[in-house]
C-alpha atoms as a PDB file:
ATOM      1  CA  THR A   1      55.492 -26.027  34.690  1.00  0.00           C
ATOM      2  CA  LEU A   2      54.699 -29.281  36.479  1.00  0.00           C
ATOM      3  CA  GLN A   3      51.994 -30.154  38.975  1.00  0.00           C
ATOM      4  CA  HIS A   4      51.187 -33.299  40.916  1.00  0.00           C
ATOM      5  CA  GLY A   5      48.204 -34.189  43.088  1.00  0.00           C
ATOM      6  CA  LEU A   6      49.308 -35.776  46.335  1.00  0.00           C
ATOM      7  CA  ILE A   7      45.733 -36.428  47.428  1.00  0.00           C
ATOM      8  CA  ASP A   8      42.334 -35.299  46.107  1.00  0.00           C
ATOM      9  CA  SER A   9      42.507 -31.960  47.929  1.00  0.00           C
ATOM     10  CA  LEU A  10      46.258 -31.258  47.846  1.00  0.00           C
ATOM     11  CA  THR A  11      48.416 -30.380  44.822  1.00  0.00           C
ATOM     12  CA  VAL A  12      52.052 -29.339  44.562  1.00  0.00           C
ATOM     13  CA  TYR A  13      53.345 -27.465  41.538  1.00  0.00           C
ATOM     14  CA  GLY A  14      56.489 -25.809  40.288  1.00  0.00           C
ATOM     15  CA  GLY A  15      58.122 -24.339  37.243  1.00  0.00           C
ATOM     16  CA  ALA A  16      61.130 -22.510  35.873  1.00  0.00           C
ATOM     17  CA  THR A  17      61.827 -19.730  33.376  1.00  0.00           C
ATOM     18  CA  LEU A  18      65.205 -19.331  31.688  1.00  0.00           C
ATOM     19  CA  SER A  19      66.411 -16.535  29.444  1.00  0.00           C
ATOM     20  CA  GLN A  20      69.734 -14.887  28.651  1.00  0.00           C
ATOM     21  CA  GLY A  21      71.018 -13.428  31.911  1.00  0.00           C
ATOM     22  CA  TYR A  22      67.848 -14.405  33.772  1.00  0.00           C
ATOM     23  CA  SER A  23      66.506 -17.391  35.681  1.00  0.00           C
ATOM     24  CA  GLN A  24      63.392 -17.909  37.762  1.00  0.00           C
ATOM     25  CA  GLY A  25      62.109 -20.854  39.783  1.00  0.00           C
ATOM     26  CA  LYS A  26      58.728 -21.310  41.447  1.00  0.00           C
ATOM     27  CA  VAL A  27      57.277 -23.862  43.834  1.00  0.00           C
ATOM     28  CA  GLY A  28      53.793 -23.837  45.300  1.00  0.00           C
ATOM     29  CA  LEU A  29      51.089 -25.706  47.161  1.00  0.00           C
ATOM     30  CA  ALA A  30      47.329 -25.652  46.518  1.00  0.00           C
ATOM     31  CA  ILE A  31      44.690 -27.060  48.826  1.00  0.00           C
ATOM     32  CA  SER A  32      40.925 -27.381  48.446  1.00  0.00           C
ATOM     33  CA  THR A  33      38.792 -26.907  51.569  1.00  0.00           C
ATOM     34  CA  PRO A  34      35.052 -26.633  52.278  1.00  0.00           C
ATOM     35  CA  VAL A  35      35.405 -22.837  52.461  1.00  0.00           C
ATOM     36  CA  GLY A  36      37.338 -22.461  49.205  1.00  0.00           C
ATOM     37  CA  ALA A  37      40.652 -23.187  47.500  1.00  0.00           C
ATOM     38  CA  PHE A  38      43.933 -21.730  48.761  1.00  0.00           C
ATOM     39  CA  ALA A  39      47.289 -21.550  46.979  1.00  0.00           C
ATOM     40  CA  LEU A  40      50.661 -20.481  48.354  1.00  0.00           C
ATOM     41  CA  ASP A  41      53.780 -20.111  46.231  1.00  0.00           C
ATOM     42  CA  THR A  42      57.290 -18.733  46.428  1.00  0.00           C
ATOM     43  CA  THR A  43      59.403 -17.612  43.486  1.00  0.00           C
ATOM     44  CA  HIS A  44      63.109 -16.838  43.282  1.00  0.00           C
ATOM     45  CA  SER A  45      64.668 -14.781  40.487  1.00  0.00           C
ATOM     46  CA  ARG A  46      68.254 -14.029  39.461  1.00  0.00           C
ATOM     47  CA  THR A  47      69.067 -11.271  36.971  1.00  0.00           C
ATOM     48  CA  GLN A  48      72.518 -10.463  35.570  1.00  0.00           C
ATOM     49  CA  VAL A  49      72.846  -6.810  34.589  1.00  0.00           C
ATOM     50  CA  GLN A  50      75.783  -5.626  32.506  1.00  0.00           C
ATOM     51  CA  GLY A  51      78.387  -3.792  34.582  1.00  0.00           C
ATOM     52  CA  GLN A  52      76.403  -4.177  37.803  1.00  0.00           C
ATOM     53  CA  ALA A  53      75.885  -6.692  40.589  1.00  0.00           C
ATOM     54  CA  VAL A  54      73.544  -9.638  40.136  1.00  0.00           C
ATOM     55  CA  ALA A  55      70.004  -8.834  41.292  1.00  0.00           C
ATOM     56  CA  ARG A  56      68.429 -11.585  43.393  1.00  0.00           C
ATOM     57  CA  GLY A  57      65.030 -11.605  45.028  1.00  0.00           C
ATOM     58  CA  GLN A  58      61.992 -13.550  46.173  1.00  0.00           C
ATOM     59  CA  SER A  59      58.263 -13.186  45.709  1.00  0.00           C
ATOM     60  CA  LEU A  60      55.609 -14.753  47.946  1.00  0.00           C
ATOM     61  CA  GLY A  61      52.014 -15.112  46.800  1.00  0.00           C
ATOM     62  CA  LEU A  62      48.741 -16.180  48.415  1.00  0.00           C
ATOM     63  CA  ALA A  63      45.573 -16.792  46.400  1.00  0.00           C
ATOM     64  CA  TYR A  64      41.998 -17.697  47.294  1.00  0.00           C
ATOM     65  CA  ASN A  65      39.094 -18.828  45.090  1.00  0.00           C
ATOM     66  CA  LYS A  66      35.527 -19.704  45.951  1.00  0.00           C
ATOM     67  CA  ASN A  67      32.494 -20.655  43.880  1.00  0.00           C
ATOM     68  CA  VAL A  68      29.146 -20.438  45.675  1.00  0.00           C
ATOM     69  CA  PRO A  69      26.947 -23.302  44.401  1.00  0.00           C
ATOM     70  CA  PHE A  70      23.545 -22.502  42.855  1.00  0.00           C
ATOM     71  CA  SER A  71      24.065 -18.729  43.273  1.00  0.00           C
ATOM     72  CA  GLY A  72      26.251 -18.051  40.255  1.00  0.00           C
ATOM     73  CA  THR A  73      28.751 -16.194  42.435  1.00  0.00           C
ATOM     74  CA  HIS A  74      32.511 -16.500  42.008  1.00  0.00           C
ATOM     75  CA  PHE A  75      34.875 -14.865  44.493  1.00  0.00           C
ATOM     76  CA  ALA A  76      38.626 -14.639  43.969  1.00  0.00           C
ATOM     77  CA  LEU A  77      41.316 -12.938  46.023  1.00  0.00           C
ATOM     78  CA  GLY A  78      43.906 -13.610  43.454  1.00  0.00           C
ATOM     79  CA  ALA A  79      45.990 -12.664  45.210  1.00  0.00           C
ATOM     80  CA  TYR A  80      48.154 -10.916  47.719  1.00  0.00           C
ATOM     81  CA  ARG A  81      51.765 -10.900  46.550  1.00  0.00           C
ATOM     82  CA  PHE A  82      54.862  -9.453  48.226  1.00  0.00           C
ATOM     83  CA  SER A  83      58.218  -9.163  46.461  1.00  0.00           C
ATOM     84  CA  THR A  84      61.625  -8.169  47.776  1.00  0.00           C
ATOM     85  CA  ALA A  85      63.468  -5.254  46.190  1.00  0.00           C
ATOM     86  CA  GLY A  86      65.718  -7.542  44.134  1.00  0.00           C
ATOM     87  CA  TYR A  87      62.948  -9.651  42.607  1.00  0.00           C
ATOM     88  CA  LEU A  88      62.185  -9.166  38.904  1.00  0.00           C
ATOM     89  CA  SER A  89      59.662 -10.845  36.658  1.00  0.00           C
ATOM     90  CA  LEU A  90      60.853 -11.754  33.158  1.00  0.00           C
ATOM     91  CA  PRO A  91      59.414  -8.591  31.481  1.00  0.00           C
ATOM     92  CA  ASP A  92      60.939  -6.398  34.215  1.00  0.00           C
ATOM     93  CA  ALA A  93      64.263  -8.244  33.936  1.00  0.00           C
ATOM     94  CA  LEU A  94      64.378  -7.595  30.175  1.00  0.00           C
ATOM     95  CA  ASN A  95      63.724  -3.890  30.762  1.00  0.00           C
ATOM     96  CA  VAL A  96      66.329  -3.655  33.536  1.00  0.00           C
ATOM     97  CA  ARG A  97      68.954  -5.469  31.443  1.00  0.00           C
ATOM     98  CA  GLU A  98      68.294  -3.079  28.552  1.00  0.00           C
ATOM     99  CA  LEU A  99      68.538  -0.112  30.935  1.00  0.00           C
ATOM    100  CA  GLY A 100      71.861  -1.420  32.265  1.00  0.00           C
ATOM    101  CA  HIS A 101      73.137  -2.015  28.738  1.00  0.00           C
ATOM    102  CA  ARG A 102      72.507   1.666  27.950  1.00  0.00           C
ATOM    103  CA  GLY A 103      74.356   2.691  31.109  1.00  0.00           C
ATOM    104  CA  GLY A 104      71.256   3.815  32.983  1.00  0.00           C
ATOM    105  CA  ASN A 105      70.645   3.651  36.727  1.00  0.00           C
ATOM    106  CA  ILE A 106      68.603   0.504  37.383  1.00  0.00           C
ATOM    107  CA  ASP A 107      67.738   1.735  40.885  1.00  0.00           C
ATOM    108  CA  HIS A 108      65.317   4.185  39.242  1.00  0.00           C
ATOM    109  CA  TYR A 109      63.325   1.367  37.656  1.00  0.00           C
ATOM    110  CA  ALA A 110      59.962   0.894  39.383  1.00  0.00           C
ATOM    111  CA  ARG A 111      60.052  -2.514  41.105  1.00  0.00           C
ATOM    112  CA  GLN A 112      56.790  -3.926  42.369  1.00  0.00           C
ATOM    113  CA  LYS A 113      56.647  -4.382  46.132  1.00  0.00           C
ATOM    114  CA  SER A 114      53.134  -5.638  46.801  1.00  0.00           C
ATOM    115  CA  ARG A 115      49.944  -6.271  44.884  1.00  0.00           C
ATOM    116  CA  VAL A 116      46.380  -7.120  45.842  1.00  0.00           C
ATOM    117  CA  ASP A 117      43.743  -8.226  43.320  1.00  0.00           C
ATOM    118  CA  LEU A 118      40.077  -8.825  44.099  1.00  0.00           C
ATOM    119  CA  THR A 119      37.506 -10.173  41.647  1.00  0.00           C
ATOM    120  CA  ILE A 120      33.823 -10.910  42.237  1.00  0.00           C
ATOM    121  CA  SER A 121      31.484 -12.087  39.483  1.00  0.00           C
ATOM    122  CA  GLN A 122      27.766 -12.787  39.679  1.00  0.00           C
ATOM    123  CA  GLN A 123      25.284 -14.174  37.196  1.00  0.00           C
ATOM    124  CA  LEU A 124      22.642 -11.466  36.860  1.00  0.00           C
ATOM    125  CA  GLY A 125      19.724 -11.915  34.502  1.00  0.00           C
ATOM    126  CA  LYS A 126      21.028 -13.154  31.155  1.00  0.00           C
ATOM    127  CA  GLY A 127      24.510 -11.770  31.696  1.00  0.00           C
ATOM    128  CA  THR A 128      27.390 -11.560  34.142  1.00  0.00           C
ATOM    129  CA  LEU A 129      28.200  -8.673  36.473  1.00  0.00           C
ATOM    130  CA  SER A 130      31.880  -8.430  37.447  1.00  0.00           C
ATOM    131  CA  VAL A 131      33.684  -6.196  39.926  1.00  0.00           C
ATOM    132  CA  TYR A 132      37.478  -6.007  39.919  1.00  0.00           C
ATOM    133  CA  GLY A 133      39.879  -4.021  42.083  1.00  0.00           C
ATOM    134  CA  SER A 134      43.644  -3.909  42.324  1.00  0.00           C
ATOM    135  CA  SER A 135      46.291  -2.023  44.249  1.00  0.00           C
ATOM    136  CA  ILE A 136      50.011  -2.044  43.400  1.00  0.00           C
ATOM    137  CA  ASP A 137      52.778  -0.532  45.507  1.00  0.00           C
ATOM    138  CA  TYR A 138      56.426  -0.001  44.538  1.00  0.00           C
ATOM    139  CA  TRP A 139      59.748   0.038  46.354  1.00  0.00           C
ATOM    140  CA  ALA A 140      61.357   3.286  47.555  1.00  0.00           C
ATOM    141  CA  GLY A 141      58.721   5.548  46.027  1.00  0.00           C
ATOM    142  CA  GLN A 142      59.973   4.783  42.510  1.00  0.00           C
ATOM    143  CA  GLN A 143      56.383   5.126  41.337  1.00  0.00           C
ATOM    144  CA  GLY A 144      53.152   6.094  43.045  1.00  0.00           C
ATOM    145  CA  ARG A 145      50.674   3.484  44.210  1.00  0.00           C
ATOM    146  CA  GLN A 146      48.407   2.352  41.371  1.00  0.00           C
ATOM    147  CA  THR A 147      44.793   1.718  42.338  1.00  0.00           C
ATOM    148  CA  SER A 148      42.121   0.574  39.902  1.00  0.00           C
ATOM    149  CA  PHE A 149      38.417  -0.303  40.170  1.00  0.00           C
ATOM    150  CA  THR A 150      36.417  -1.816  37.332  1.00  0.00           C
ATOM    151  CA  VAL A 151      32.722  -2.740  37.001  1.00  0.00           C
ATOM    152  CA  SER A 152      31.478  -4.533  33.909  1.00  0.00           C
ATOM    153  CA  TYR A 153      28.348  -6.244  32.660  1.00  0.00           C
ATOM    154  CA  GLY A 154      28.172  -8.429  29.586  1.00  0.00           C
ATOM    155  CA  SER A 155      25.763 -10.769  27.863  1.00  0.00           C
ATOM    156  CA  SER A 156      25.266 -12.711  24.652  1.00  0.00           C
ATOM    157  CA  LYS A 157      22.272 -13.599  22.496  1.00  0.00           C
ATOM    158  CA  LYS A 158      22.320 -15.655  19.318  1.00  0.00           C
ATOM    159  CA  LYS A 159      26.100 -15.261  18.903  1.00  0.00           C
ATOM    160  CA  HIS A 160      25.872 -11.503  19.473  1.00  0.00           C
ATOM    161  CA  ASN A 161      28.054 -10.418  22.392  1.00  0.00           C
ATOM    162  CA  TRP A 162      28.258  -7.112  24.208  1.00  0.00           C
ATOM    163  CA  ASN A 163      30.048  -5.798  27.280  1.00  0.00           C
ATOM    164  CA  LEU A 164      29.888  -2.457  29.088  1.00  0.00           C
ATOM    165  CA  LEU A 165      32.842  -1.547  31.310  1.00  0.00           C
ATOM    166  CA  ALA A 166      33.428   1.389  33.662  1.00  0.00           C
ATOM    167  CA  GLN A 167      36.882   1.906  35.136  1.00  0.00           C
ATOM    168  CA  ARG A 168      38.468   4.418  37.493  1.00  0.00           C
ATOM    169  CA  SER A 169      42.203   4.324  38.162  1.00  0.00           C
ATOM    170  CA  ARG A 170      44.671   6.502  40.039  1.00  0.00           C
ATOM    171  CA  VAL A 171      48.447   6.736  40.297  1.00  0.00           C
ATOM    172  CA  SER A 172      49.291   8.398  43.609  1.00  0.00           C
ATOM    173  CA  GLU A 173      51.723  11.298  43.755  1.00  0.00           C
ATOM    174  CA  THR A 174      55.260  10.408  44.893  1.00  0.00           C
ATOM    175  CA  HIS A 175      56.108  14.018  45.774  1.00  0.00           C
ATOM    176  CA  GLN A 176      57.407  14.321  49.335  1.00  0.00           C
ATOM    177  CA  LEU A 177      55.483  17.052  51.136  1.00  0.00           C
ATOM    178  CA  SER A 178      57.201  19.869  52.987  1.00  0.00           C
ATOM    179  CA  GLU A 179      56.180  20.878  56.497  1.00  0.00           C
ATOM    180  CA  ARG A 180      54.175  23.786  55.075  1.00  0.00           C
ATOM    181  CA  GLU A 181      52.371  21.523  52.596  1.00  0.00           C
ATOM    182  CA  ARG A 182      51.483  19.102  55.397  1.00  0.00           C
ATOM    183  CA  SER A 183      50.115  22.015  57.400  1.00  0.00           C
ATOM    184  CA  ASP A 184      48.064  23.212  54.400  1.00  0.00           C
ATOM    185  CA  GLU A 185      46.567  19.730  54.065  1.00  0.00           C
ATOM    186  CA  ILE A 186      45.033  20.037  57.517  1.00  0.00           C
ATOM    187  CA  PHE A 187      42.969  23.039  56.395  1.00  0.00           C
ATOM    188  CA  PHE A 188      42.572  22.555  52.643  1.00  0.00           C
ATOM    189  CA  GLY A 189      42.618  18.774  52.217  1.00  0.00           C
ATOM    190  CA  ARG A 190      44.727  16.681  49.860  1.00  0.00           C
ATOM    191  CA  SER A 191      43.262  17.762  46.539  1.00  0.00           C
ATOM    192  CA  MET A 192      46.638  19.119  45.384  1.00  0.00           C
ATOM    193  CA  HIS A 193      48.313  15.734  45.733  1.00  0.00           C
ATOM    194  CA  MET A 194      45.760  13.236  44.503  1.00  0.00           C
ATOM    195  CA  GLY A 195      47.988  12.095  41.630  1.00  0.00           C
ATOM    196  CA  ARG A 196      46.834  11.190  38.138  1.00  0.00           C
ATOM    197  CA  LEU A 197      43.217  10.096  37.684  1.00  0.00           C
ATOM    198  CA  ASP A 198      41.789   8.236  34.716  1.00  0.00           C
ATOM    199  CA  ASN A 199      38.119   7.404  34.095  1.00  0.00           C
ATOM    200  CA  ARG A 200      36.981   5.151  31.249  1.00  0.00           C
ATOM    201  CA  LEU A 201      33.666   3.924  29.906  1.00  0.00           C
ATOM    202  CA  VAL A 202      34.003   1.217  27.241  1.00  0.00           C
ATOM    203  CA  LEU A 203      31.308  -0.534  25.206  1.00  0.00           C
ATOM    204  CA  THR A 204      32.342  -3.619  23.211  1.00  0.00           C
ATOM    205  CA  LEU A 205      30.127  -5.291  20.587  1.00  0.00           C
ATOM    206  CA  SER A 206      30.812  -8.484  18.634  1.00  0.00           C
ATOM    207  CA  VAL A 207      28.644  -9.958  15.864  1.00  0.00           C
ATOM    208  CA  PRO A 208      29.266 -12.923  13.497  1.00  0.00           C
ATOM    209  CA  LEU A 209      29.745 -12.406   9.765  1.00  0.00           C
ATOM    210  CA  GLY A 210      28.018 -15.275   8.028  1.00  0.00           C
ATOM    211  CA  GLU A 211      26.982 -18.735   9.173  1.00  0.00           C
ATOM    212  CA  GLY A 212      28.866 -21.857  10.233  1.00  0.00           C
ATOM    213  CA  VAL A 213      31.735 -22.591  12.589  1.00  0.00           C
ATOM    214  CA  ARG A 214      34.251 -20.884  10.276  1.00  0.00           C
ATOM    215  CA  ALA A 215      32.314 -17.644  10.041  1.00  0.00           C
ATOM    216  CA  ALA A 216      34.360 -14.573  10.901  1.00  0.00           C
ATOM    217  CA  SER A 217      33.231 -12.058  13.464  1.00  0.00           C
ATOM    218  CA  ALA A 218      33.324  -8.286  13.574  1.00  0.00           C
ATOM    219  CA  GLY A 219      33.912  -6.302  16.723  1.00  0.00           C
ATOM    220  CA  ARG A 220      33.276  -2.695  17.640  1.00  0.00           C
ATOM    221  CA  ARG A 221      34.733  -0.978  20.643  1.00  0.00           C
ATOM    222  CA  GLY A 222      33.899   2.502  21.788  1.00  0.00           C
ATOM    223  CA  SER A 223      35.224   4.410  24.792  1.00  0.00           C
ATOM    224  CA  ALA A 224      34.634   7.697  26.519  1.00  0.00           C
END
């Protein structure tokens, strides 16, 4: 990855990823403004799958970041990203190539279509309160929309760290409703087709073992 500042507020960047049967190239532009920093990038991927046509695609991303001075607030829309059906990241490309090698149908592999991430963090008392949300959609109903919301608060005191996290996530149902099911929804709601829900509450503790910069630390993580 390379980046170069054209002027104080404008930076261009680019990079490439190469692997067996896979190549990816990215180019982007970042600009700093009084209302925040914006970044726009485009990525092209090419994946060779055994016994099948080459998969080619593009991904376009837009990101926004803003720090509010003296308030301790950080806002990041990081970011909205849209990908064509043929675009594959390196991990997805490795999975698709393995699927093709085994003779599977790569059209059944869930390919990401769009993604939105939103993060807001705020200094609160002696710790930091963070709120994170994401929504991921896939091509051709290969997998239901994944939506996740997370709230966490963490602090540290004398090298003792703790963080409490609450998360709720849902994978929407991909089942296509019949005319009768649509009619039932009018009267009985959509409770039968809410998809999979997952709720988590996680407490993480970390304390040092001994003194000095080389002292090890012990962590404890509990969830419910």
